[in-house]
Amino acid sequence: MIKMFNSIEKKVGIIYFTLIISFIFSSEYKCDYCKKNIIGKYYFLEQKKYHEECYNQNIVPKCNFCKESLLGRYVVNEDGNYHNDCYKNNILPKCSVCIRPLEKEYNYDAWDNKYHGYHSNGKGNCSSCSRIISERTTNGGYIHIDGRAICNLCDKDIVNTKLEIEDSRKRVLLLLEEIGFQSLSNEIPIILKNRNELSLLMPHSSMISGLTNLEHSYKENYLGQISDEKKEYEIFILDKLNPIDFDSILAHEYLHVWLYENNLNYNSQITEGFCNLARAYIYQKNLDKYSIIQLNKMNEDPDLDYGVGYRIANLCLDNYGWNEMIKLFENNKAHNCF
């Protein structure tokens, strides 16, 4: 997520500080600080007169960073007074990409990396973790064939091999079994696709991360009656995903399988909202910073099915719990929640 944010300089004022120095060799004035006679030059400020030493040690404001006197123009903000250079080089937040001071407006990602807006013109933010991609923040990154920006922090852990896919399946089926989804097949083919390839399988949606394909086959007896029905599934998952995202999407797709196996046909908002509960469950079981960021995205998603549908389903889950909610769906009463 990228948001525009005004730096703390938005509350900073620039003070123009003028000193009038008079050279009077007379004892007719008294110092307004020490109350002693002034002989020689003095400082005159706001109708008050000071010995040079009294002024420099006690009256002139000091920089909150270097503690030296502030003469001429200086910066004032809610935290104190600063020389311009002290404020710019030491107080202003620094860009996570180039380490230069961030003045005026700047961007920040979900990991609190702050950066100049023009850095987004490069590879931008990682499509998985949302970090701004740079050598300092992510050890670099690249643009995948389907246009996704992928940082090297995510790339080093992506699920890619058959063994990694099967490890994910084992984790997911175990967690789904814990909440009441029993006997889900561990033999369904899981196939990696880039986003362009997934879009060809589901043309009306260009941003899907997973898809479950169902094919029916039937046998007929000698009377022409259907004697056996066989359902065959394929699960397609977006490639270049880290294990947590891969697990969460696979869990979502396995709930589609569960709905198909139980011949439950609901509208897309109920279906996708319900399946997204499994995705959220994976993040909730991890509950590290990355998972919290993904949960926040789900809670803010404006999509009517994957966002609004999920939040309605989540309220239902809060009210009923997994066991009762599963029964509602099995008995074709899921509309009670939506």
C-alpha atoms as a PDB file:
ATOM      1  CA  MET A   1       0.000   0.000   0.000  1.00  0.00           C
ATOM      2  CA  ILE A   2       1.277   3.371  -0.868  1.00  0.00           C
ATOM      3  CA  LYS A   3      -0.016   6.466   0.711  1.00  0.00           C
ATOM      4  CA  MET A   4       1.021  10.047   0.422  1.00  0.00           C
ATOM      5  CA  PHE A   5       2.099  11.424   3.734  1.00  0.00           C
ATOM      6  CA  ASN A   6       3.293  14.859   4.770  1.00  0.00           C
ATOM      7  CA  SER A   7       6.534  14.792   6.685  1.00  0.00           C
ATOM      8  CA  ILE A   8       6.791  16.413  10.075  1.00  0.00           C
ATOM      9  CA  GLU A   9       8.020  19.516   8.301  1.00  0.00           C
ATOM     10  CA  LYS A  10       4.413  20.385   7.598  1.00  0.00           C
ATOM     11  CA  LYS A  11       4.292  21.969  11.081  1.00  0.00           C
ATOM     12  CA  VAL A  12       7.657  23.671  10.789  1.00  0.00           C
ATOM     13  CA  GLY A  13       7.940  27.426  10.677  1.00  0.00           C
ATOM     14  CA  ILE A  14      10.981  29.406   9.595  1.00  0.00           C
ATOM     15  CA  ILE A  15      11.880  32.185  11.998  1.00  0.00           C
ATOM     16  CA  TYR A  16      13.827  35.196  10.800  1.00  0.00           C
ATOM     17  CA  PHE A  17      15.770  36.391  13.790  1.00  0.00           C
ATOM     18  CA  THR A  18      17.320  39.866  13.599  1.00  0.00           C
ATOM     19  CA  LEU A  19      19.719  41.259  16.154  1.00  0.00           C
ATOM     20  CA  ILE A  20      20.376  44.961  16.516  1.00  0.00           C
ATOM     21  CA  ILE A  21      23.815  45.457  17.994  1.00  0.00           C
ATOM     22  CA  SER A  22      24.657  48.881  19.351  1.00  0.00           C
ATOM     23  CA  PHE A  23      28.055  50.043  20.480  1.00  0.00           C
ATOM     24  CA  ILE A  24      27.512  52.290  23.457  1.00  0.00           C
ATOM     25  CA  PHE A  25      30.281  53.087  25.887  1.00  0.00           C
ATOM     26  CA  SER A  26      28.114  54.312  28.694  1.00  0.00           C
ATOM     27  CA  SER A  27      26.776  53.096  32.006  1.00  0.00           C
ATOM     28  CA  GLU A  28      23.312  54.552  31.587  1.00  0.00           C
ATOM     29  CA  TYR A  29      21.795  51.159  30.679  1.00  0.00           C
ATOM     30  CA  LYS A  30      21.385  48.052  32.782  1.00  0.00           C
ATOM     31  CA  CYS A  31      21.349  44.503  31.437  1.00  0.00           C
ATOM     32  CA  ASP A  32      17.806  43.132  31.486  1.00  0.00           C
ATOM     33  CA  TYR A  33      19.176  39.706  32.440  1.00  0.00           C
ATOM     34  CA  CYS A  34      21.764  40.324  35.197  1.00  0.00           C
ATOM     35  CA  LYS A  35      20.605  43.871  36.104  1.00  0.00           C
ATOM     36  CA  LYS A  36      24.177  45.170  36.080  1.00  0.00           C
ATOM     37  CA  ASN A  37      25.405  48.234  34.215  1.00  0.00           C
ATOM     38  CA  ILE A  38      26.240  47.792  30.574  1.00  0.00           C
ATOM     39  CA  ILE A  39      29.633  49.105  29.481  1.00  0.00           C
ATOM     40  CA  GLY A  40      30.630  48.568  25.896  1.00  0.00           C
ATOM     41  CA  LYS A  41      28.571  46.968  23.171  1.00  0.00           C
ATOM     42  CA  TYR A  42      25.267  45.321  23.982  1.00  0.00           C
ATOM     43  CA  TYR A  43      22.518  43.358  22.315  1.00  0.00           C
ATOM     44  CA  PHE A  44      19.165  45.021  21.831  1.00  0.00           C
ATOM     45  CA  LEU A  45      16.212  42.697  21.287  1.00  0.00           C
ATOM     46  CA  GLU A  46      12.483  43.259  21.751  1.00  0.00           C
ATOM     47  CA  GLN A  47      13.086  46.487  23.656  1.00  0.00           C
ATOM     48  CA  LYS A  48      15.493  44.785  26.047  1.00  0.00           C
ATOM     49  CA  LYS A  49      19.243  45.210  26.405  1.00  0.00           C
ATOM     50  CA  TYR A  50      21.776  42.545  27.325  1.00  0.00           C
ATOM     51  CA  HIS A  51      25.474  42.145  27.890  1.00  0.00           C
ATOM     52  CA  GLU A  52      26.970  40.187  25.017  1.00  0.00           C
ATOM     53  CA  GLU A  53      27.917  37.362  27.391  1.00  0.00           C
ATOM     54  CA  CYS A  54      24.498  37.341  29.095  1.00  0.00           C
ATOM     55  CA  TYR A  55      22.783  37.211  25.753  1.00  0.00           C
ATOM     56  CA  ASN A  56      24.897  34.429  24.248  1.00  0.00           C
ATOM     57  CA  GLN A  57      24.764  32.236  27.358  1.00  0.00           C
ATOM     58  CA  ASN A  58      21.217  32.790  28.553  1.00  0.00           C
ATOM     59  CA  ILE A  59      18.963  34.491  26.015  1.00  0.00           C
ATOM     60  CA  VAL A  60      19.807  33.341  22.527  1.00  0.00           C
ATOM     61  CA  PRO A  61      17.914  30.091  21.674  1.00  0.00           C
ATOM     62  CA  LYS A  62      19.998  26.937  21.293  1.00  0.00           C
ATOM     63  CA  CYS A  63      19.720  24.252  18.638  1.00  0.00           C
ATOM     64  CA  ASN A  64      18.097  21.163  20.135  1.00  0.00           C
ATOM     65  CA  PHE A  65      20.483  18.960  18.171  1.00  0.00           C
ATOM     66  CA  CYS A  66      23.963  20.517  18.360  1.00  0.00           C
ATOM     67  CA  LYS A  67      23.248  22.776  21.377  1.00  0.00           C
ATOM     68  CA  GLU A  68      24.958  25.734  19.668  1.00  0.00           C
ATOM     69  CA  SER A  69      23.429  29.211  19.488  1.00  0.00           C
ATOM     70  CA  LEU A  70      20.819  29.907  16.839  1.00  0.00           C
ATOM     71  CA  LEU A  71      21.704  33.087  14.995  1.00  0.00           C
ATOM     72  CA  GLY A  72      19.833  34.300  11.954  1.00  0.00           C
ATOM     73  CA  ARG A  73      17.286  32.007  10.354  1.00  0.00           C
ATOM     74  CA  TYR A  74      16.413  28.723  12.079  1.00  0.00           C
ATOM     75  CA  VAL A  75      13.720  26.048  12.109  1.00  0.00           C
ATOM     76  CA  VAL A  76      11.058  25.702  14.778  1.00  0.00           C
ATOM     77  CA  ASN A  77       8.852  22.649  15.084  1.00  0.00           C
ATOM     78  CA  GLU A  78       6.855  20.950  17.816  1.00  0.00           C
ATOM     79  CA  ASP A  79       9.971  19.193  19.117  1.00  0.00           C
ATOM     80  CA  GLY A  80      12.281  22.198  19.354  1.00  0.00           C
ATOM     81  CA  ASN A  81      14.466  24.676  17.503  1.00  0.00           C
ATOM     82  CA  TYR A  82      17.167  23.707  15.011  1.00  0.00           C
ATOM     83  CA  HIS A  83      19.747  25.093  12.623  1.00  0.00           C
ATOM     84  CA  ASN A  84      18.558  24.495   9.074  1.00  0.00           C
ATOM     85  CA  ASP A  85      21.362  22.017   8.385  1.00  0.00           C
ATOM     86  CA  CYS A  86      20.945  20.242  11.735  1.00  0.00           C
ATOM     87  CA  TYR A  87      17.252  19.805  11.081  1.00  0.00           C
ATOM     88  CA  LYS A  88      17.638  18.648   7.486  1.00  0.00           C
ATOM     89  CA  ASN A  89      20.522  16.241   8.089  1.00  0.00           C
ATOM     90  CA  ASN A  90      19.609  14.851  11.501  1.00  0.00           C
ATOM     91  CA  ILE A  91      15.919  15.385  12.336  1.00  0.00           C
ATOM     92  CA  LEU A  92      14.024  14.897   9.089  1.00  0.00           C
ATOM     93  CA  PRO A  93      13.247  11.225   8.306  1.00  0.00           C
ATOM     94  CA  LYS A  94      15.547   9.643   5.738  1.00  0.00           C
ATOM     95  CA  CYS A  95      14.572   7.879   2.538  1.00  0.00           C
ATOM     96  CA  SER A  96      14.872   4.107   2.942  1.00  0.00           C
ATOM     97  CA  VAL A  97      16.029   3.859  -0.670  1.00  0.00           C
ATOM     98  CA  CYS A  98      18.588   6.667  -1.092  1.00  0.00           C
ATOM     99  CA  ILE A  99      19.106   7.810   2.566  1.00  0.00           C
ATOM    100  CA  ARG A 100      18.568  11.454   1.594  1.00  0.00           C
ATOM    101  CA  PRO A 101      16.328  13.646   3.814  1.00  0.00           C
ATOM    102  CA  LEU A 102      12.601  13.457   3.122  1.00  0.00           C
ATOM    103  CA  GLU A 103      11.247  16.956   2.718  1.00  0.00           C
ATOM    104  CA  LYS A 104       7.616  17.859   2.091  1.00  0.00           C
ATOM    105  CA  GLU A 105       5.605  14.839   0.861  1.00  0.00           C
ATOM    106  CA  TYR A 106       6.847  11.271   0.749  1.00  0.00           C
ATOM    107  CA  ASN A 107       5.544   7.711   0.399  1.00  0.00           C
ATOM    108  CA  TYR A 108       5.678   4.827   2.834  1.00  0.00           C
ATOM    109  CA  ASP A 109       4.948   1.134   2.482  1.00  0.00           C
ATOM    110  CA  ALA A 110       3.316  -1.349   4.845  1.00  0.00           C
ATOM    111  CA  TRP A 111       6.693  -2.026   6.476  1.00  0.00           C
ATOM    112  CA  ASP A 112       7.158   1.662   7.328  1.00  0.00           C
ATOM    113  CA  ASN A 113       9.851   2.125   4.689  1.00  0.00           C
ATOM    114  CA  LYS A 114       9.692   5.832   3.848  1.00  0.00           C
ATOM    115  CA  TYR A 115      10.815   6.964   0.411  1.00  0.00           C
ATOM    116  CA  HIS A 116      10.684   9.716  -2.180  1.00  0.00           C
ATOM    117  CA  GLY A 117       7.762   9.310  -4.550  1.00  0.00           C
ATOM    118  CA  TYR A 118       9.985   9.167  -7.614  1.00  0.00           C
ATOM    119  CA  HIS A 119      11.473   5.849  -6.451  1.00  0.00           C
ATOM    120  CA  SER A 120       8.119   4.257  -7.344  1.00  0.00           C
ATOM    121  CA  ASN A 121       8.998   4.866 -10.990  1.00  0.00           C
ATOM    122  CA  GLY A 122      11.506   2.008 -10.831  1.00  0.00           C
ATOM    123  CA  LYS A 123      10.331  -1.499 -10.042  1.00  0.00           C
ATOM    124  CA  GLY A 124       7.855  -0.091  -7.520  1.00  0.00           C
ATOM    125  CA  ASN A 125       6.472  -2.211  -4.702  1.00  0.00           C
ATOM    126  CA  CYS A 126       6.680  -5.985  -4.405  1.00  0.00           C
ATOM    127  CA  SER A 127       3.428  -7.644  -5.477  1.00  0.00           C
ATOM    128  CA  SER A 128       3.668 -10.005  -2.493  1.00  0.00           C
ATOM    129  CA  CYS A 129       5.038  -8.160   0.530  1.00  0.00           C
ATOM    130  CA  SER A 130       4.374  -4.575  -0.677  1.00  0.00           C
ATOM    131  CA  ARG A 131       7.877  -3.368   0.225  1.00  0.00           C
ATOM    132  CA  ILE A 132       9.417  -0.715  -2.000  1.00  0.00           C
ATOM    133  CA  ILE A 133      11.955  -2.614  -4.095  1.00  0.00           C
ATOM    134  CA  SER A 134      15.534  -1.363  -3.810  1.00  0.00           C
ATOM    135  CA  GLU A 135      18.975  -2.635  -2.913  1.00  0.00           C
ATOM    136  CA  ARG A 136      18.663  -1.272   0.629  1.00  0.00           C
ATOM    137  CA  THR A 137      15.134  -2.448   1.428  1.00  0.00           C
ATOM    138  CA  THR A 138      14.878  -5.794  -0.384  1.00  0.00           C
ATOM    139  CA  ASN A 139      18.316  -6.557  -1.880  1.00  0.00           C
ATOM    140  CA  GLY A 140      16.785  -5.669  -5.222  1.00  0.00           C
ATOM    141  CA  GLY A 141      14.143  -7.456  -7.245  1.00  0.00           C
ATOM    142  CA  TYR A 142      12.820  -7.976 -10.755  1.00  0.00           C
ATOM    143  CA  ILE A 143       9.756  -7.758 -12.987  1.00  0.00           C
ATOM    144  CA  HIS A 144       8.211 -11.159 -13.702  1.00  0.00           C
ATOM    145  CA  ILE A 145       7.016 -12.132 -17.181  1.00  0.00           C
ATOM    146  CA  ASP A 146       3.410 -11.304 -16.233  1.00  0.00           C
ATOM    147  CA  GLY A 147       4.329  -7.790 -15.056  1.00  0.00           C
ATOM    148  CA  ARG A 148       4.434  -8.429 -11.313  1.00  0.00           C
ATOM    149  CA  ALA A 149       7.243  -6.795  -9.347  1.00  0.00           C
ATOM    150  CA  ILE A 150       8.914  -9.354  -7.086  1.00  0.00           C
ATOM    151  CA  CYS A 151      11.501  -8.460  -4.474  1.00  0.00           C
ATOM    152  CA  ASN A 152      14.470 -10.677  -3.704  1.00  0.00           C
ATOM    153  CA  LEU A 153      13.346 -11.149  -0.093  1.00  0.00           C
ATOM    154  CA  CYS A 154      10.223 -12.921  -1.339  1.00  0.00           C
ATOM    155  CA  ASP A 155      11.915 -14.589  -4.301  1.00  0.00           C
ATOM    156  CA  LYS A 156      14.387 -16.564  -2.185  1.00  0.00           C
ATOM    157  CA  ASP A 157      11.525 -18.478  -0.516  1.00  0.00           C
ATOM    158  CA  ILE A 158       9.066 -18.973  -3.389  1.00  0.00           C
ATOM    159  CA  VAL A 159       7.210 -22.273  -3.735  1.00  0.00           C
ATOM    160  CA  ASN A 160       8.453 -23.757  -6.972  1.00  0.00           C
ATOM    161  CA  THR A 161       9.276 -27.479  -6.801  1.00  0.00           C
ATOM    162  CA  LYS A 162       6.967 -30.492  -6.527  1.00  0.00           C
ATOM    163  CA  LEU A 163       8.329 -31.184  -3.057  1.00  0.00           C
ATOM    164  CA  GLU A 164       7.569 -27.627  -1.918  1.00  0.00           C
ATOM    165  CA  ILE A 165       4.054 -27.876  -3.361  1.00  0.00           C
ATOM    166  CA  GLU A 166       3.400 -31.154  -1.541  1.00  0.00           C
ATOM    167  CA  ASP A 167       4.763 -29.726   1.714  1.00  0.00           C
ATOM    168  CA  SER A 168       2.284 -26.879   1.327  1.00  0.00           C
ATOM    169  CA  ARG A 169      -0.568 -29.311   0.669  1.00  0.00           C
ATOM    170  CA  LYS A 170       0.262 -31.261   3.843  1.00  0.00           C
ATOM    171  CA  ARG A 171       0.280 -28.094   5.938  1.00  0.00           C
ATOM    172  CA  VAL A 172      -2.986 -26.849   4.463  1.00  0.00           C
ATOM    173  CA  LEU A 173      -4.932 -30.119   4.722  1.00  0.00           C
ATOM    174  CA  LEU A 174      -3.835 -30.531   8.331  1.00  0.00           C
ATOM    175  CA  LEU A 175      -5.026 -27.038   9.245  1.00  0.00           C
ATOM    176  CA  LEU A 176      -8.319 -27.455   7.377  1.00  0.00           C
ATOM    177  CA  GLU A 177      -8.910 -30.756   9.139  1.00  0.00           C
ATOM    178  CA  GLU A 178      -8.456 -28.989  12.483  1.00  0.00           C
ATOM    179  CA  ILE A 179     -11.438 -26.733  11.775  1.00  0.00           C
ATOM    180  CA  GLY A 180     -13.753 -29.423  10.437  1.00  0.00           C
ATOM    181  CA  PHE A 181     -13.004 -30.046   6.754  1.00  0.00           C
ATOM    182  CA  GLN A 182     -12.398 -33.786   6.624  1.00  0.00           C
ATOM    183  CA  SER A 183     -11.308 -36.197   3.894  1.00  0.00           C
ATOM    184  CA  LEU A 184     -10.146 -33.649   1.343  1.00  0.00           C
ATOM    185  CA  SER A 185      -8.162 -35.362  -1.390  1.00  0.00           C
ATOM    186  CA  ASN A 186      -4.389 -35.135  -1.344  1.00  0.00           C
ATOM    187  CA  GLU A 187      -4.153 -36.279  -4.958  1.00  0.00           C
ATOM    188  CA  ILE A 188      -5.578 -33.268  -6.777  1.00  0.00           C
ATOM    189  CA  PRO A 189      -3.006 -31.932  -9.274  1.00  0.00           C
ATOM    190  CA  ILE A 190      -1.638 -28.525  -8.261  1.00  0.00           C
ATOM    191  CA  ILE A 191      -0.297 -26.570 -11.221  1.00  0.00           C
ATOM    192  CA  LEU A 192       1.649 -23.292 -11.162  1.00  0.00           C
ATOM    193  CA  LYS A 193       0.633 -20.577 -13.626  1.00  0.00           C
ATOM    194  CA  ASN A 194       1.710 -16.985 -14.115  1.00  0.00           C
ATOM    195  CA  ARG A 195      -0.965 -14.311 -14.049  1.00  0.00           C
ATOM    196  CA  ASN A 196      -1.287 -14.107 -17.814  1.00  0.00           C
ATOM    197  CA  GLU A 197      -1.921 -17.851 -17.999  1.00  0.00           C
ATOM    198  CA  LEU A 198      -4.480 -17.697 -15.178  1.00  0.00           C
ATOM    199  CA  SER A 199      -6.270 -14.861 -16.950  1.00  0.00           C
ATOM    200  CA  LEU A 200      -6.653 -17.046 -20.035  1.00  0.00           C
ATOM    201  CA  LEU A 201      -8.349 -19.683 -17.887  1.00  0.00           C
ATOM    202  CA  MET A 202     -10.649 -17.088 -16.335  1.00  0.00           C
ATOM    203  CA  PRO A 203     -10.891 -14.164 -18.784  1.00  0.00           C
ATOM    204  CA  HIS A 204     -13.263 -12.004 -16.732  1.00  0.00           C
ATOM    205  CA  SER A 205     -10.746 -11.673 -13.894  1.00  0.00           C
ATOM    206  CA  SER A 206      -7.208 -10.410 -14.483  1.00  0.00           C
ATOM    207  CA  MET A 207      -6.079 -10.443 -10.845  1.00  0.00           C
ATOM    208  CA  ILE A 208      -6.902 -13.953  -9.645  1.00  0.00           C
ATOM    209  CA  SER A 209      -4.286 -15.890  -7.700  1.00  0.00           C
ATOM    210  CA  GLY A 210      -5.893 -19.319  -7.811  1.00  0.00           C
ATOM    211  CA  LEU A 211      -8.488 -21.341  -9.687  1.00  0.00           C
ATOM    212  CA  THR A 212     -10.130 -24.732  -9.180  1.00  0.00           C
ATOM    213  CA  ASN A 213     -11.218 -26.536 -12.321  1.00  0.00           C
ATOM    214  CA  LEU A 214     -13.874 -29.271 -12.071  1.00  0.00           C
ATOM    215  CA  GLU A 215     -14.671 -31.817 -14.759  1.00  0.00           C
ATOM    216  CA  HIS A 216     -17.555 -34.286 -14.476  1.00  0.00           C
ATOM    217  CA  SER A 217     -17.552 -37.727 -16.048  1.00  0.00           C
ATOM    218  CA  TYR A 218     -20.521 -40.101 -16.025  1.00  0.00           C
ATOM    219  CA  LYS A 219     -21.219 -43.757 -16.656  1.00  0.00           C
ATOM    220  CA  GLU A 220     -24.527 -45.007 -17.982  1.00  0.00           C
ATOM    221  CA  ASN A 221     -26.091 -48.412 -17.402  1.00  0.00           C
ATOM    222  CA  TYR A 222     -27.751 -50.437 -20.137  1.00  0.00           C
ATOM    223  CA  LEU A 223     -30.983 -48.472 -19.604  1.00  0.00           C
ATOM    224  CA  GLY A 224     -29.218 -45.195 -20.325  1.00  0.00           C
ATOM    225  CA  GLN A 225     -29.374 -44.164 -16.709  1.00  0.00           C
ATOM    226  CA  ILE A 226     -26.429 -42.453 -15.028  1.00  0.00           C
ATOM    227  CA  SER A 227     -24.964 -45.017 -12.678  1.00  0.00           C
ATOM    228  CA  ASP A 228     -21.796 -43.269 -11.600  1.00  0.00           C
ATOM    229  CA  GLU A 229     -20.537 -39.726 -11.467  1.00  0.00           C
ATOM    230  CA  LYS A 230     -16.885 -38.894 -11.174  1.00  0.00           C
ATOM    231  CA  LYS A 231     -15.475 -35.479 -10.324  1.00  0.00           C
ATOM    232  CA  GLU A 232     -11.949 -34.624 -11.339  1.00  0.00           C
ATOM    233  CA  TYR A 233     -10.222 -31.494 -10.093  1.00  0.00           C
ATOM    234  CA  GLU A 234      -7.225 -29.388 -10.991  1.00  0.00           C
ATOM    235  CA  ILE A 235      -5.998 -26.552  -8.801  1.00  0.00           C
ATOM    236  CA  PHE A 236      -4.087 -23.742 -10.479  1.00  0.00           C
ATOM    237  CA  ILE A 237      -1.999 -21.467  -8.249  1.00  0.00           C
ATOM    238  CA  LEU A 238      -0.175 -18.268  -9.150  1.00  0.00           C
ATOM    239  CA  ASP A 239       3.558 -18.847  -9.419  1.00  0.00           C
ATOM    240  CA  LYS A 240       6.318 -16.914  -7.615  1.00  0.00           C
ATOM    241  CA  LEU A 241       4.520 -16.961  -4.252  1.00  0.00           C
ATOM    242  CA  ASN A 242       6.145 -17.267  -0.852  1.00  0.00           C
ATOM    243  CA  PRO A 243       5.014 -20.214   1.332  1.00  0.00           C
ATOM    244  CA  ILE A 244       2.514 -18.243   3.443  1.00  0.00           C
ATOM    245  CA  ASP A 245       0.712 -16.799   0.419  1.00  0.00           C
ATOM    246  CA  PHE A 246       0.854 -20.134  -1.386  1.00  0.00           C
ATOM    247  CA  ASP A 247      -0.664 -21.930   1.615  1.00  0.00           C
ATOM    248  CA  SER A 248      -3.395 -19.321   1.974  1.00  0.00           C
ATOM    249  CA  ILE A 249      -4.444 -19.507  -1.680  1.00  0.00           C
ATOM    250  CA  LEU A 250      -4.315 -23.301  -1.690  1.00  0.00           C
ATOM    251  CA  ALA A 251      -6.564 -23.339   1.401  1.00  0.00           C
ATOM    252  CA  HIS A 252      -9.013 -21.048  -0.416  1.00  0.00           C
ATOM    253  CA  GLU A 253      -9.090 -23.387  -3.417  1.00  0.00           C
ATOM    254  CA  TYR A 254      -9.575 -26.475  -1.250  1.00  0.00           C
ATOM    255  CA  LEU A 255     -12.750 -24.929   0.154  1.00  0.00           C
ATOM    256  CA  HIS A 256     -13.976 -24.651  -3.436  1.00  0.00           C
ATOM    257  CA  VAL A 257     -13.298 -28.387  -3.720  1.00  0.00           C
ATOM    258  CA  TRP A 258     -15.273 -28.989  -0.511  1.00  0.00           C
ATOM    259  CA  LEU A 259     -18.227 -27.015  -1.881  1.00  0.00           C
ATOM    260  CA  TYR A 260     -18.130 -28.960  -5.158  1.00  0.00           C
ATOM    261  CA  GLU A 261     -17.877 -32.300  -3.362  1.00  0.00           C
ATOM    262  CA  ASN A 262     -20.965 -31.446  -1.317  1.00  0.00           C
ATOM    263  CA  ASN A 263     -22.866 -30.150  -4.372  1.00  0.00           C
ATOM    264  CA  LEU A 264     -23.265 -26.733  -2.747  1.00  0.00           C
ATOM    265  CA  ASN A 265     -23.959 -23.968  -5.221  1.00  0.00           C
ATOM    266  CA  TYR A 266     -24.060 -20.446  -3.799  1.00  0.00           C
ATOM    267  CA  ASN A 267     -23.673 -17.066  -5.441  1.00  0.00           C
ATOM    268  CA  SER A 268     -20.170 -15.696  -5.949  1.00  0.00           C
ATOM    269  CA  GLN A 269     -20.213 -13.411  -2.893  1.00  0.00           C
ATOM    270  CA  ILE A 270     -21.119 -16.238  -0.525  1.00  0.00           C
ATOM    271  CA  THR A 271     -18.765 -18.689  -2.237  1.00  0.00           C
ATOM    272  CA  GLU A 272     -15.682 -16.465  -2.409  1.00  0.00           C
ATOM    273  CA  GLY A 273     -16.335 -14.919   0.990  1.00  0.00           C
ATOM    274  CA  PHE A 274     -16.566 -18.371   2.557  1.00  0.00           C
ATOM    275  CA  CYS A 275     -13.451 -19.670   0.787  1.00  0.00           C
ATOM    276  CA  ASN A 276     -11.515 -16.586   1.833  1.00  0.00           C
ATOM    277  CA  LEU A 277     -12.092 -17.582   5.461  1.00  0.00           C
ATOM    278  CA  ALA A 278      -9.644 -20.430   4.859  1.00  0.00           C
ATOM    279  CA  ARG A 279      -7.135 -18.008   3.405  1.00  0.00           C
ATOM    280  CA  ALA A 280      -7.445 -15.768   6.446  1.00  0.00           C
ATOM    281  CA  TYR A 281      -7.117 -18.789   8.739  1.00  0.00           C
ATOM    282  CA  ILE A 282      -3.658 -19.528   7.310  1.00  0.00           C
ATOM    283  CA  TYR A 283      -2.529 -15.973   8.024  1.00  0.00           C
ATOM    284  CA  GLN A 284      -4.049 -16.099  11.505  1.00  0.00           C
ATOM    285  CA  LYS A 285      -2.110 -19.266  12.321  1.00  0.00           C
ATOM    286  CA  ASN A 286       1.152 -17.538  11.373  1.00  0.00           C
ATOM    287  CA  LEU A 287       0.321 -14.062  12.676  1.00  0.00           C
ATOM    288  CA  ASP A 288       3.746 -12.608  11.922  1.00  0.00           C
ATOM    289  CA  LYS A 289       4.038  -9.078  10.552  1.00  0.00           C
ATOM    290  CA  TYR A 290       3.681 -10.268   6.967  1.00  0.00           C
ATOM    291  CA  SER A 291       0.481 -12.178   7.788  1.00  0.00           C
ATOM    292  CA  ILE A 292      -0.959  -9.187   9.636  1.00  0.00           C
ATOM    293  CA  ILE A 293      -0.323  -7.019   6.573  1.00  0.00           C
ATOM    294  CA  GLN A 294      -2.141  -9.543   4.365  1.00  0.00           C
ATOM    295  CA  LEU A 295      -5.075  -9.727   6.794  1.00  0.00           C
ATOM    296  CA  ASN A 296      -5.297  -5.939   6.742  1.00  0.00           C
ATOM    297  CA  LYS A 297      -5.442  -6.044   2.941  1.00  0.00           C
ATOM    298  CA  MET A 298      -8.308  -8.538   3.112  1.00  0.00           C
ATOM    299  CA  ASN A 299     -10.160  -6.359   5.594  1.00  0.00           C
ATOM    300  CA  GLU A 300      -9.766  -3.331   3.317  1.00  0.00           C
ATOM    301  CA  ASP A 301     -10.433  -5.068  -0.018  1.00  0.00           C
ATOM    302  CA  PRO A 302     -13.344  -3.258  -1.753  1.00  0.00           C
ATOM    303  CA  ASP A 303     -14.148  -6.217  -4.037  1.00  0.00           C
ATOM    304  CA  LEU A 304     -17.775  -7.285  -3.517  1.00  0.00           C
ATOM    305  CA  ASP A 305     -16.918 -10.998  -3.443  1.00  0.00           C
ATOM    306  CA  TYR A 306     -13.402 -11.342  -2.067  1.00  0.00           C
ATOM    307  CA  GLY A 307     -13.569  -8.288   0.192  1.00  0.00           C
ATOM    308  CA  VAL A 308     -17.155  -7.567   1.244  1.00  0.00           C
ATOM    309  CA  GLY A 309     -18.109 -11.244   0.987  1.00  0.00           C
ATOM    310  CA  TYR A 310     -15.187 -12.231   3.188  1.00  0.00           C
ATOM    311  CA  ARG A 311     -16.049  -9.677   5.860  1.00  0.00           C
ATOM    312  CA  ILE A 312     -19.678 -10.840   5.967  1.00  0.00           C
ATOM    313  CA  ALA A 313     -18.529 -14.463   6.205  1.00  0.00           C
ATOM    314  CA  ASN A 314     -16.114 -13.506   8.961  1.00  0.00           C
ATOM    315  CA  LEU A 315     -18.950 -11.979  10.996  1.00  0.00           C
ATOM    316  CA  CYS A 316     -20.877 -15.206  10.536  1.00  0.00           C
ATOM    317  CA  LEU A 317     -17.864 -17.180  11.722  1.00  0.00           C
ATOM    318  CA  ASP A 318     -17.594 -14.967  14.798  1.00  0.00           C
ATOM    319  CA  ASN A 319     -21.253 -15.646  15.598  1.00  0.00           C
ATOM    320  CA  TYR A 320     -21.408 -19.380  14.878  1.00  0.00           C
ATOM    321  CA  GLY A 321     -17.909 -20.825  14.973  1.00  0.00           C
ATOM    322  CA  TRP A 322     -16.548 -23.264  12.397  1.00  0.00           C
ATOM    323  CA  ASN A 323     -18.661 -26.316  13.265  1.00  0.00           C
ATOM    324  CA  GLU A 324     -22.007 -24.526  13.128  1.00  0.00           C
ATOM    325  CA  MET A 325     -21.043 -22.522  10.066  1.00  0.00           C
ATOM    326  CA  ILE A 326     -20.086 -25.691   8.197  1.00  0.00           C
ATOM    327  CA  LYS A 327     -23.486 -27.155   9.110  1.00  0.00           C
ATOM    328  CA  LEU A 328     -25.226 -24.031   7.784  1.00  0.00           C
ATOM    329  CA  PHE A 329     -23.480 -24.457   4.450  1.00  0.00           C
ATOM    330  CA  GLU A 330     -24.106 -28.205   4.296  1.00  0.00           C
ATOM    331  CA  ASN A 331     -27.822 -27.620   4.945  1.00  0.00           C
ATOM    332  CA  ASN A 332     -28.039 -24.911   2.277  1.00  0.00           C
ATOM    333  CA  LYS A 333     -28.698 -22.242   4.911  1.00  0.00           C
ATOM    334  CA  ALA A 334     -25.644 -20.060   4.322  1.00  0.00           C
ATOM    335  CA  HIS A 335     -27.991 -17.257   3.267  1.00  0.00           C
ATOM    336  CA  ASN A 336     -28.789 -16.845   6.969  1.00  0.00           C
ATOM    337  CA  CYS A 337     -25.400 -15.159   7.267  1.00  0.00           C
ATOM    338  CA  PHE A 338     -25.405 -13.064   4.108  1.00  0.00           C
END
